[in-house]
């Protein structure tokens, strides 16, 4: 299974497309999560560490775009209030 892909500085076209997607937000917390579909998100605010089961943690911050593979199980640790646009494939 592939790992989390993070784009440090997505292009203007990618950001424009992401802004059409729904939003999700969360206060600081820690919780398990699993992906039944591939998710791509664009983080508007905040900072999170996502640790896939059996793998290294990945930090994701405001301004970055991330893709989480279908079938991945992980733990989300939201450090500061996070708000993101997201899309499931």
N, C-alpha and C. Protein backbone atom coordinates (compact mmCIF):
# COMPACT_ATOMS: atom_id res chain seq x y z
N UNK A 1 0.85 -1.18 0.00
CA UNK A 1 0.00 0.00 0.00
C UNK A 1 0.89 1.24 0.00
N UNK A 2 0.51 2.21 -0.81
CA UNK A 2 1.32 3.43 -0.87
C UNK A 2 1.13 4.26 0.40
N UNK A 3 2.03 5.17 0.59
CA UNK A 3 2.02 6.02 1.78
C UNK A 3 1.29 7.34 1.50
N UNK A 4 1.22 8.18 2.52
CA UNK A 4 0.63 9.51 2.39
C UNK A 4 1.52 10.35 1.47
N UNK A 5 0.90 11.02 0.52
CA UNK A 5 1.62 11.92 -0.38
C UNK A 5 1.30 13.35 0.03
N UNK A 6 2.33 14.16 0.27
CA UNK A 6 2.14 15.56 0.66
C UNK A 6 2.75 16.46 -0.39
N UNK A 7 1.96 17.44 -0.84
CA UNK A 7 2.44 18.47 -1.77
C UNK A 7 2.63 19.74 -0.95
N UNK A 8 3.88 20.16 -0.82
CA UNK A 8 4.22 21.32 0.02
C UNK A 8 3.58 22.61 -0.48
N UNK A 9 3.60 22.80 -1.79
CA UNK A 9 3.09 24.05 -2.37
C UNK A 9 2.28 23.71 -3.62
N UNK A 10 1.00 23.35 -3.44
CA UNK A 10 0.18 23.03 -4.61
C UNK A 10 0.02 24.24 -5.53
N UNK A 11 -0.18 23.95 -6.82
CA UNK A 11 -0.34 25.02 -7.80
C UNK A 11 -1.70 25.70 -7.70
N UNK A 12 -1.81 26.84 -8.36
CA UNK A 12 -3.04 27.62 -8.33
C UNK A 12 -4.23 26.83 -8.84
N UNK A 13 -4.03 26.02 -9.88
CA UNK A 13 -5.13 25.22 -10.44
C UNK A 13 -5.59 24.16 -9.44
N UNK A 14 -4.64 23.52 -8.75
CA UNK A 14 -4.99 22.51 -7.73
C UNK A 14 -5.77 23.15 -6.59
N UNK A 15 -5.35 24.33 -6.16
CA UNK A 15 -6.03 25.02 -5.06
C UNK A 15 -7.43 25.44 -5.49
N UNK A 16 -7.56 25.96 -6.71
CA UNK A 16 -8.88 26.38 -7.21
C UNK A 16 -9.84 25.20 -7.24
N UNK A 17 -9.37 24.04 -7.68
CA UNK A 17 -10.21 22.84 -7.70
C UNK A 17 -10.59 22.42 -6.28
N UNK A 18 -9.62 22.43 -5.37
CA UNK A 18 -9.86 22.01 -3.99
C UNK A 18 -10.91 22.89 -3.31
N UNK A 19 -10.94 24.16 -3.67
CA UNK A 19 -11.89 25.08 -3.03
C UNK A 19 -13.34 24.78 -3.41
N UNK A 20 -13.55 23.89 -4.38
CA UNK A 20 -14.91 23.46 -4.77
C UNK A 20 -15.38 22.31 -3.88
N UNK A 21 -14.46 21.68 -3.16
CA UNK A 21 -14.78 20.52 -2.34
C UNK A 21 -15.41 20.94 -1.02
N UNK A 22 -16.10 20.00 -0.33
CA UNK A 22 -16.64 20.31 1.00
C UNK A 22 -15.52 20.56 2.00
N UNK A 23 -15.88 21.11 3.17
CA UNK A 23 -14.88 21.35 4.22
C UNK A 23 -15.18 20.48 5.43
N UNK A 24 -14.14 20.25 6.21
CA UNK A 24 -14.21 19.52 7.48
C UNK A 24 -13.29 20.25 8.44
N UNK A 25 -13.69 20.33 9.70
CA UNK A 25 -12.81 20.95 10.69
C UNK A 25 -12.86 20.16 11.99
N UNK A 26 -11.85 20.39 12.84
CA UNK A 26 -11.72 19.62 14.07
C UNK A 26 -10.85 20.39 15.06
N UNK A 27 -11.28 20.37 16.31
CA UNK A 27 -10.49 20.95 17.40
C UNK A 27 -9.33 20.00 17.73
N UNK A 28 -8.33 20.46 18.49
CA UNK A 28 -7.23 19.58 18.88
C UNK A 28 -7.75 18.29 19.54
N UNK A 29 -7.26 17.17 19.04
CA UNK A 29 -7.70 15.85 19.52
C UNK A 29 -6.81 14.77 18.92
N UNK A 30 -7.03 13.54 19.34
CA UNK A 30 -6.28 12.40 18.80
C UNK A 30 -7.27 11.26 18.63
N UNK A 31 -7.29 10.64 17.43
CA UNK A 31 -8.27 9.59 17.16
C UNK A 31 -7.79 8.66 16.04
N UNK A 32 -8.24 7.40 16.06
CA UNK A 32 -7.91 6.47 14.98
C UNK A 32 -8.82 6.75 13.77
N UNK A 33 -8.31 6.45 12.59
CA UNK A 33 -9.09 6.64 11.37
C UNK A 33 -8.68 5.60 10.34
N UNK A 34 -9.61 5.21 9.50
CA UNK A 34 -9.27 4.32 8.38
C UNK A 34 -9.95 4.85 7.13
N UNK A 35 -9.33 4.62 5.99
CA UNK A 35 -9.80 5.15 4.72
C UNK A 35 -10.40 4.04 3.86
N UNK A 36 -11.72 4.15 3.59
CA UNK A 36 -12.39 3.17 2.72
C UNK A 36 -12.28 3.62 1.26
N UNK A 37 -11.86 4.89 1.06
CA UNK A 37 -11.62 5.45 -0.27
C UNK A 37 -10.36 6.31 -0.19
N UNK A 38 -9.76 6.58 -1.33
CA UNK A 38 -8.64 7.51 -1.37
C UNK A 38 -9.17 8.92 -1.10
N UNK A 39 -8.50 9.65 -0.22
CA UNK A 39 -8.89 11.03 0.06
C UNK A 39 -7.76 11.98 -0.29
N UNK A 40 -8.11 13.08 -0.96
CA UNK A 40 -7.18 14.18 -1.17
C UNK A 40 -7.75 15.37 -0.41
N UNK A 41 -6.88 16.09 0.29
CA UNK A 41 -7.35 17.26 1.04
C UNK A 41 -6.38 18.42 0.86
N UNK A 42 -6.93 19.62 1.05
CA UNK A 42 -6.14 20.85 1.03
C UNK A 42 -6.39 21.53 2.37
N UNK A 43 -5.33 21.71 3.16
CA UNK A 43 -5.46 22.24 4.52
C UNK A 43 -5.48 23.77 4.49
N UNK A 44 -6.57 24.33 5.01
CA UNK A 44 -6.74 25.78 5.06
C UNK A 44 -6.13 26.37 6.32
N UNK A 45 -6.30 25.67 7.44
CA UNK A 45 -5.80 26.14 8.74
C UNK A 45 -5.32 24.93 9.53
N UNK A 46 -4.35 25.16 10.41
CA UNK A 46 -3.99 24.15 11.39
C UNK A 46 -2.78 23.31 11.08
N UNK A 47 -2.62 22.29 11.93
CA UNK A 47 -1.44 21.43 11.93
C UNK A 47 -1.85 20.08 12.50
N UNK A 48 -1.52 19.02 11.79
CA UNK A 48 -1.88 17.67 12.21
C UNK A 48 -0.71 16.73 11.94
N UNK A 49 -0.57 15.70 12.77
CA UNK A 49 0.36 14.60 12.49
C UNK A 49 -0.49 13.36 12.26
N UNK A 50 -0.29 12.72 11.12
CA UNK A 50 -1.01 11.49 10.78
C UNK A 50 0.02 10.36 10.79
N UNK A 51 -0.25 9.34 11.60
CA UNK A 51 0.68 8.21 11.71
C UNK A 51 0.01 6.95 11.20
N UNK A 52 0.40 6.50 9.99
CA UNK A 52 -0.15 5.24 9.47
C UNK A 52 0.28 4.07 10.36
N UNK A 53 -0.61 3.10 10.57
CA UNK A 53 -0.26 1.92 11.36
C UNK A 53 1.00 1.28 10.80
N UNK A 54 2.01 1.09 11.64
CA UNK A 54 3.25 0.43 11.24
C UNK A 54 4.17 1.29 10.39
N UNK A 55 3.98 2.60 10.38
CA UNK A 55 4.81 3.46 9.55
C UNK A 55 5.16 4.74 10.29
N UNK A 56 5.90 5.60 9.62
CA UNK A 56 6.38 6.84 10.22
C UNK A 56 5.31 7.94 10.18
N UNK A 57 5.29 8.82 11.19
CA UNK A 57 4.33 9.93 11.20
C UNK A 57 4.62 10.93 10.08
N UNK A 58 3.55 11.57 9.61
CA UNK A 58 3.64 12.58 8.57
C UNK A 58 2.96 13.85 9.09
N UNK A 59 3.69 14.97 9.06
CA UNK A 59 3.11 16.25 9.48
C UNK A 59 2.49 16.95 8.28
N UNK A 60 1.29 17.51 8.48
CA UNK A 60 0.60 18.22 7.42
C UNK A 60 0.14 19.55 8.01
N UNK A 61 0.42 20.64 7.27
CA UNK A 61 0.14 21.99 7.78
C UNK A 61 -0.66 22.78 6.76
N UNK A 62 -1.17 23.93 7.24
CA UNK A 62 -1.93 24.84 6.37
C UNK A 62 -1.13 25.15 5.11
N UNK A 63 -1.84 25.15 3.97
CA UNK A 63 -1.22 25.44 2.69
C UNK A 63 -0.75 24.21 1.94
N UNK A 64 -0.78 23.06 2.60
CA UNK A 64 -0.34 21.82 1.97
C UNK A 64 -1.53 21.00 1.49
N UNK A 65 -1.27 20.15 0.50
CA UNK A 65 -2.25 19.21 -0.01
C UNK A 65 -1.73 17.81 0.29
N UNK A 66 -2.62 16.92 0.72
CA UNK A 66 -2.20 15.56 1.06
C UNK A 66 -3.18 14.55 0.46
N UNK A 67 -2.65 13.38 0.09
CA UNK A 67 -3.48 12.28 -0.40
C UNK A 67 -3.24 11.07 0.49
N UNK A 68 -4.35 10.50 0.97
CA UNK A 68 -4.32 9.33 1.83
C UNK A 68 -4.85 8.14 1.04
N UNK A 69 -4.10 7.04 0.99
CA UNK A 69 -4.51 5.91 0.15
C UNK A 69 -5.68 5.10 0.73
N UNK A 70 -6.50 4.57 -0.15
CA UNK A 70 -7.58 3.67 0.22
C UNK A 70 -7.00 2.50 1.01
N UNK A 71 -7.67 2.15 2.11
CA UNK A 71 -7.24 1.00 2.91
C UNK A 71 -6.29 1.36 4.04
N UNK A 72 -5.79 2.58 4.08
CA UNK A 72 -4.84 2.96 5.12
C UNK A 72 -5.56 3.12 6.47
N UNK A 73 -4.93 2.59 7.51
CA UNK A 73 -5.38 2.79 8.89
C UNK A 73 -4.33 3.64 9.57
N UNK A 74 -4.78 4.60 10.38
CA UNK A 74 -3.83 5.55 10.94
C UNK A 74 -4.40 6.18 12.20
N UNK A 75 -3.58 7.02 12.82
CA UNK A 75 -4.00 7.84 13.95
C UNK A 75 -3.78 9.30 13.58
N UNK A 76 -4.82 10.09 13.78
CA UNK A 76 -4.74 11.54 13.57
C UNK A 76 -4.49 12.20 14.90
N UNK A 77 -3.49 13.08 14.96
CA UNK A 77 -3.26 13.92 16.14
C UNK A 77 -3.34 15.37 15.68
N UNK A 78 -4.46 16.00 16.00
CA UNK A 78 -4.69 17.40 15.61
C UNK A 78 -4.06 18.29 16.68
N UNK A 79 -3.00 19.01 16.30
CA UNK A 79 -2.27 19.84 17.25
C UNK A 79 -2.95 21.19 17.46
N UNK A 80 -3.38 21.81 16.36
CA UNK A 80 -4.11 23.08 16.43
C UNK A 80 -5.33 22.94 15.52
N UNK A 81 -6.40 23.66 15.87
CA UNK A 81 -7.64 23.61 15.09
C UNK A 81 -7.33 23.47 13.61
N UNK A 82 -7.95 22.48 12.97
CA UNK A 82 -7.70 22.24 11.56
C UNK A 82 -8.98 22.40 10.76
N UNK A 83 -8.81 22.97 9.57
CA UNK A 83 -9.92 23.10 8.62
C UNK A 83 -9.36 22.73 7.26
N UNK A 84 -10.08 21.87 6.55
CA UNK A 84 -9.57 21.41 5.25
C UNK A 84 -10.73 21.23 4.27
N UNK A 85 -10.40 21.36 2.98
CA UNK A 85 -11.27 20.91 1.90
C UNK A 85 -10.89 19.46 1.65
N UNK A 86 -11.86 18.62 1.32
CA UNK A 86 -11.53 17.21 1.07
C UNK A 86 -12.35 16.65 -0.08
N UNK A 87 -11.81 15.60 -0.70
CA UNK A 87 -12.47 14.92 -1.81
C UNK A 87 -12.14 13.43 -1.75
N UNK A 88 -13.17 12.60 -1.83
CA UNK A 88 -12.97 11.15 -1.86
C UNK A 88 -13.08 10.65 -3.29
N UNK A 89 -12.21 9.71 -3.65
CA UNK A 89 -12.24 9.12 -5.00
C UNK A 89 -12.67 7.68 -4.91
